[in-house]
Amino acid sequence: MAVVADGMVFLFLLYAAMRSGRRWTQAAAAFQLLILATHYAFASNRELEQWAYVSAYYVWNIAVIAALLAGVIWRARRPLL
């Protein structure tokens, strides 16, 4: 179920990155793709430790949040007109 949700978030972020062309949307989409790669790596290789999967998953999630936060901060600093 988490893979489906992460896949949908990736598609949304990819759409946003393609439409806007801004760096922070591209970074968020790239980090979300790394989250999907983490799911795939753990599913294809069961010898990986659980802590490696969880720590990689959280690192990439924090990176997505940081990219989105950077976009919000950048937008707040721009003049409206």
N, C-alpha and C. Protein backbone atom coordinates (compact mmCIF):
# COMPACT_ATOMS: atom_id res chain seq x y z
N MET A 1 0.81 -1.19 0.00
CA MET A 1 0.00 0.00 0.00
C MET A 1 0.86 1.26 0.00
N ALA A 2 1.96 1.24 0.74
CA ALA A 2 2.85 2.41 0.78
C ALA A 2 3.49 2.66 -0.59
N VAL A 3 3.75 1.58 -1.33
CA VAL A 3 4.36 1.73 -2.65
C VAL A 3 3.38 2.44 -3.59
N VAL A 4 2.11 2.10 -3.49
CA VAL A 4 1.10 2.74 -4.34
C VAL A 4 0.99 4.23 -4.00
N ALA A 5 0.95 4.54 -2.71
CA ALA A 5 0.86 5.94 -2.29
C ALA A 5 2.10 6.71 -2.73
N ASP A 6 3.27 6.12 -2.54
CA ASP A 6 4.50 6.79 -2.96
C ASP A 6 4.56 6.94 -4.48
N GLY A 7 4.03 5.97 -5.20
CA GLY A 7 3.97 6.08 -6.66
C GLY A 7 3.07 7.21 -7.12
N MET A 8 1.94 7.36 -6.45
CA MET A 8 1.02 8.45 -6.79
C MET A 8 1.64 9.81 -6.47
N VAL A 9 2.33 9.91 -5.35
CA VAL A 9 3.01 11.16 -5.00
C VAL A 9 4.09 11.47 -6.03
N PHE A 10 4.82 10.43 -6.47
CA PHE A 10 5.85 10.64 -7.49
C PHE A 10 5.24 11.16 -8.79
N LEU A 11 4.13 10.57 -9.21
CA LEU A 11 3.49 11.04 -10.45
C LEU A 11 3.04 12.49 -10.33
N PHE A 12 2.51 12.86 -9.18
CA PHE A 12 2.11 14.25 -8.97
C PHE A 12 3.32 15.18 -9.00
N LEU A 13 4.39 14.80 -8.30
CA LEU A 13 5.59 15.65 -8.28
C LEU A 13 6.25 15.71 -9.65
N LEU A 14 6.22 14.62 -10.39
CA LEU A 14 6.77 14.62 -11.74
C LEU A 14 5.97 15.56 -12.64
N TYR A 15 4.66 15.52 -12.52
CA TYR A 15 3.81 16.44 -13.28
C TYR A 15 4.14 17.89 -12.91
N ALA A 16 4.27 18.16 -11.62
CA ALA A 16 4.59 19.52 -11.17
C ALA A 16 5.95 19.96 -11.69
N ALA A 17 6.92 19.05 -11.69
CA ALA A 17 8.26 19.38 -12.17
C ALA A 17 8.26 19.66 -13.67
N MET A 18 7.49 18.88 -14.42
CA MET A 18 7.44 19.08 -15.86
C MET A 18 6.70 20.36 -16.23
N ARG A 19 5.67 20.70 -15.48
CA ARG A 19 4.88 21.89 -15.79
C ARG A 19 5.57 23.17 -15.36
N SER A 20 6.20 23.16 -14.18
CA SER A 20 6.76 24.41 -13.66
C SER A 20 8.22 24.62 -14.08
N GLY A 21 8.99 23.55 -14.13
CA GLY A 21 10.40 23.68 -14.47
C GLY A 21 11.25 24.27 -13.36
N ARG A 22 10.70 24.38 -12.19
CA ARG A 22 11.46 24.95 -11.07
C ARG A 22 12.35 23.88 -10.45
N ARG A 23 13.47 24.33 -9.90
CA ARG A 23 14.44 23.40 -9.34
C ARG A 23 13.90 22.61 -8.15
N TRP A 24 13.12 23.28 -7.30
CA TRP A 24 12.67 22.59 -6.10
C TRP A 24 11.65 21.50 -6.42
N THR A 25 10.85 21.69 -7.47
CA THR A 25 9.92 20.62 -7.85
C THR A 25 10.68 19.46 -8.49
N GLN A 26 11.73 19.78 -9.23
CA GLN A 26 12.56 18.73 -9.80
C GLN A 26 13.27 17.93 -8.72
N ALA A 27 13.77 18.64 -7.71
CA ALA A 27 14.44 17.96 -6.60
C ALA A 27 13.47 17.08 -5.82
N ALA A 28 12.27 17.59 -5.57
CA ALA A 28 11.28 16.80 -4.84
C ALA A 28 10.91 15.54 -5.61
N ALA A 29 10.74 15.65 -6.93
CA ALA A 29 10.41 14.49 -7.75
C ALA A 29 11.57 13.49 -7.76
N ALA A 30 12.79 14.00 -7.82
CA ALA A 30 13.96 13.11 -7.82
C ALA A 30 14.08 12.35 -6.50
N PHE A 31 13.87 13.04 -5.39
CA PHE A 31 13.93 12.36 -4.10
C PHE A 31 12.79 11.36 -3.95
N GLN A 32 11.64 11.67 -4.49
CA GLN A 32 10.52 10.72 -4.43
C GLN A 32 10.83 9.49 -5.27
N LEU A 33 11.53 9.67 -6.39
CA LEU A 33 11.96 8.53 -7.19
C LEU A 33 12.93 7.66 -6.40
N LEU A 34 13.79 8.28 -5.61
CA LEU A 34 14.70 7.51 -4.76
C LEU A 34 13.94 6.72 -3.70
N ILE A 35 12.83 7.25 -3.23
CA ILE A 35 11.98 6.49 -2.30
C ILE A 35 11.44 5.24 -2.98
N LEU A 36 10.98 5.38 -4.22
CA LEU A 36 10.50 4.21 -4.96
C LEU A 36 11.62 3.22 -5.23
N ALA A 37 12.82 3.72 -5.49
CA ALA A 37 13.97 2.84 -5.69
C ALA A 37 14.31 2.08 -4.41
N THR A 38 14.13 2.72 -3.27
CA THR A 38 14.35 2.06 -1.98
C THR A 38 13.35 0.92 -1.79
N HIS A 39 12.09 1.16 -2.13
CA HIS A 39 11.08 0.09 -2.06
C HIS A 39 11.49 -1.08 -2.94
N TYR A 40 11.90 -0.77 -4.17
CA TYR A 40 12.28 -1.82 -5.12
C TYR A 40 13.51 -2.59 -4.63
N ALA A 41 14.50 -1.88 -4.13
CA ALA A 41 15.73 -2.55 -3.67
C ALA A 41 15.44 -3.50 -2.52
N PHE A 42 14.59 -3.10 -1.60
CA PHE A 42 14.28 -3.97 -0.47
C PHE A 42 13.42 -5.14 -0.91
N ALA A 43 12.50 -4.92 -1.84
CA ALA A 43 11.64 -6.01 -2.30
C ALA A 43 12.42 -7.03 -3.12
N SER A 44 13.42 -6.59 -3.86
CA SER A 44 14.17 -7.50 -4.71
C SER A 44 15.31 -8.20 -3.99
N ASN A 45 15.75 -7.67 -2.86
CA ASN A 45 16.86 -8.28 -2.12
C ASN A 45 16.48 -8.36 -0.64
N ARG A 46 15.99 -9.50 -0.22
CA ARG A 46 15.55 -9.68 1.16
C ARG A 46 16.70 -9.81 2.14
N GLU A 47 17.93 -9.87 1.65
CA GLU A 47 19.08 -9.95 2.56
C GLU A 47 19.41 -8.60 3.19
N LEU A 48 18.82 -7.53 2.69
CA LEU A 48 19.05 -6.22 3.27
C LEU A 48 18.47 -6.16 4.67
N GLU A 49 19.16 -5.46 5.52
CA GLU A 49 18.69 -5.30 6.90
C GLU A 49 17.49 -4.36 6.93
N GLN A 50 16.61 -4.60 7.87
CA GLN A 50 15.42 -3.76 8.02
C GLN A 50 15.80 -2.31 8.35
N TRP A 51 16.83 -2.13 9.18
CA TRP A 51 17.22 -0.77 9.57
C TRP A 51 17.74 0.02 8.37
N ALA A 52 18.37 -0.65 7.41
CA ALA A 52 18.86 0.04 6.21
C ALA A 52 17.68 0.56 5.38
N TYR A 53 16.66 -0.27 5.26
CA TYR A 53 15.47 0.14 4.51
C TYR A 53 14.79 1.32 5.18
N VAL A 54 14.57 1.22 6.48
CA VAL A 54 13.87 2.28 7.21
C VAL A 54 14.67 3.57 7.21
N SER A 55 15.98 3.47 7.43
CA SER A 55 16.78 4.70 7.47
C SER A 55 16.85 5.36 6.10
N ALA A 56 17.00 4.59 5.03
CA ALA A 56 17.01 5.17 3.68
C ALA A 56 15.66 5.80 3.36
N TYR A 57 14.59 5.11 3.75
CA TYR A 57 13.24 5.63 3.50
C TYR A 57 13.04 6.97 4.20
N TYR A 58 13.48 7.08 5.44
CA TYR A 58 13.32 8.34 6.17
C TYR A 58 14.24 9.44 5.64
N VAL A 59 15.44 9.10 5.24
CA VAL A 59 16.35 10.11 4.69
C VAL A 59 15.75 10.73 3.43
N TRP A 60 15.22 9.89 2.52
CA TRP A 60 14.65 10.42 1.29
C TRP A 60 13.36 11.19 1.55
N ASN A 61 12.57 10.75 2.54
CA ASN A 61 11.37 11.51 2.90
C ASN A 61 11.71 12.89 3.45
N ILE A 62 12.73 12.96 4.28
CA ILE A 62 13.17 14.26 4.81
C ILE A 62 13.66 15.14 3.67
N ALA A 63 14.33 14.55 2.68
CA ALA A 63 14.81 15.32 1.53
C ALA A 63 13.63 15.87 0.71
N VAL A 64 12.57 15.08 0.53
CA VAL A 64 11.38 15.57 -0.18
C VAL A 64 10.77 16.74 0.57
N ILE A 65 10.62 16.59 1.88
CA ILE A 65 10.04 17.66 2.69
C ILE A 65 10.92 18.91 2.64
N ALA A 66 12.24 18.73 2.67
CA ALA A 66 13.15 19.88 2.59
C ALA A 66 13.02 20.59 1.25
N ALA A 67 12.88 19.84 0.16
CA ALA A 67 12.70 20.46 -1.16
C ALA A 67 11.39 21.24 -1.22
N LEU A 68 10.33 20.67 -0.68
CA LEU A 68 9.05 21.38 -0.66
C LEU A 68 9.11 22.62 0.22
N LEU A 69 9.79 22.51 1.34
CA LEU A 69 9.95 23.66 2.24
C LEU A 69 10.77 24.76 1.57
N ALA A 70 11.80 24.37 0.83
CA ALA A 70 12.60 25.36 0.10
C ALA A 70 11.74 26.11 -0.92
N GLY A 71 10.85 25.39 -1.58
CA GLY A 71 9.94 26.05 -2.52
C GLY A 71 9.00 27.02 -1.84
N VAL A 72 8.51 26.66 -0.67
CA VAL A 72 7.62 27.56 0.08
C VAL A 72 8.38 28.80 0.54
N ILE A 73 9.57 28.62 1.05
CA ILE A 73 10.38 29.75 1.52
C ILE A 73 10.75 30.65 0.34
N TRP A 74 11.13 30.06 -0.77
CA TRP A 74 11.50 30.85 -1.95
C TRP A 74 10.30 31.66 -2.44
N ARG A 75 9.13 31.07 -2.43
CA ARG A 75 7.92 31.76 -2.88
C ARG A 75 7.57 32.91 -1.93
N ALA A 76 7.76 32.71 -0.64
CA ALA A 76 7.42 33.75 0.34
C ALA A 76 8.35 34.96 0.22
N ARG A 77 9.56 34.77 -0.27
CA ARG A 77 10.52 35.86 -0.37
C ARG A 77 10.34 36.69 -1.63
N ARG A 78 9.62 36.18 -2.62
CA ARG A 78 9.41 36.92 -3.86
C ARG A 78 8.35 37.99 -3.67
N PRO A 79 8.52 39.15 -4.30
CA PRO A 79 7.45 40.15 -4.25
C PRO A 79 6.25 39.67 -5.06
N LEU A 80 5.07 40.04 -4.62
CA LEU A 80 3.85 39.58 -5.28
C LEU A 80 3.65 40.21 -6.65
N LEU A 81 4.03 41.45 -6.82
CA LEU A 81 3.86 42.11 -8.12
C LEU A 81 5.13 42.62 -8.67
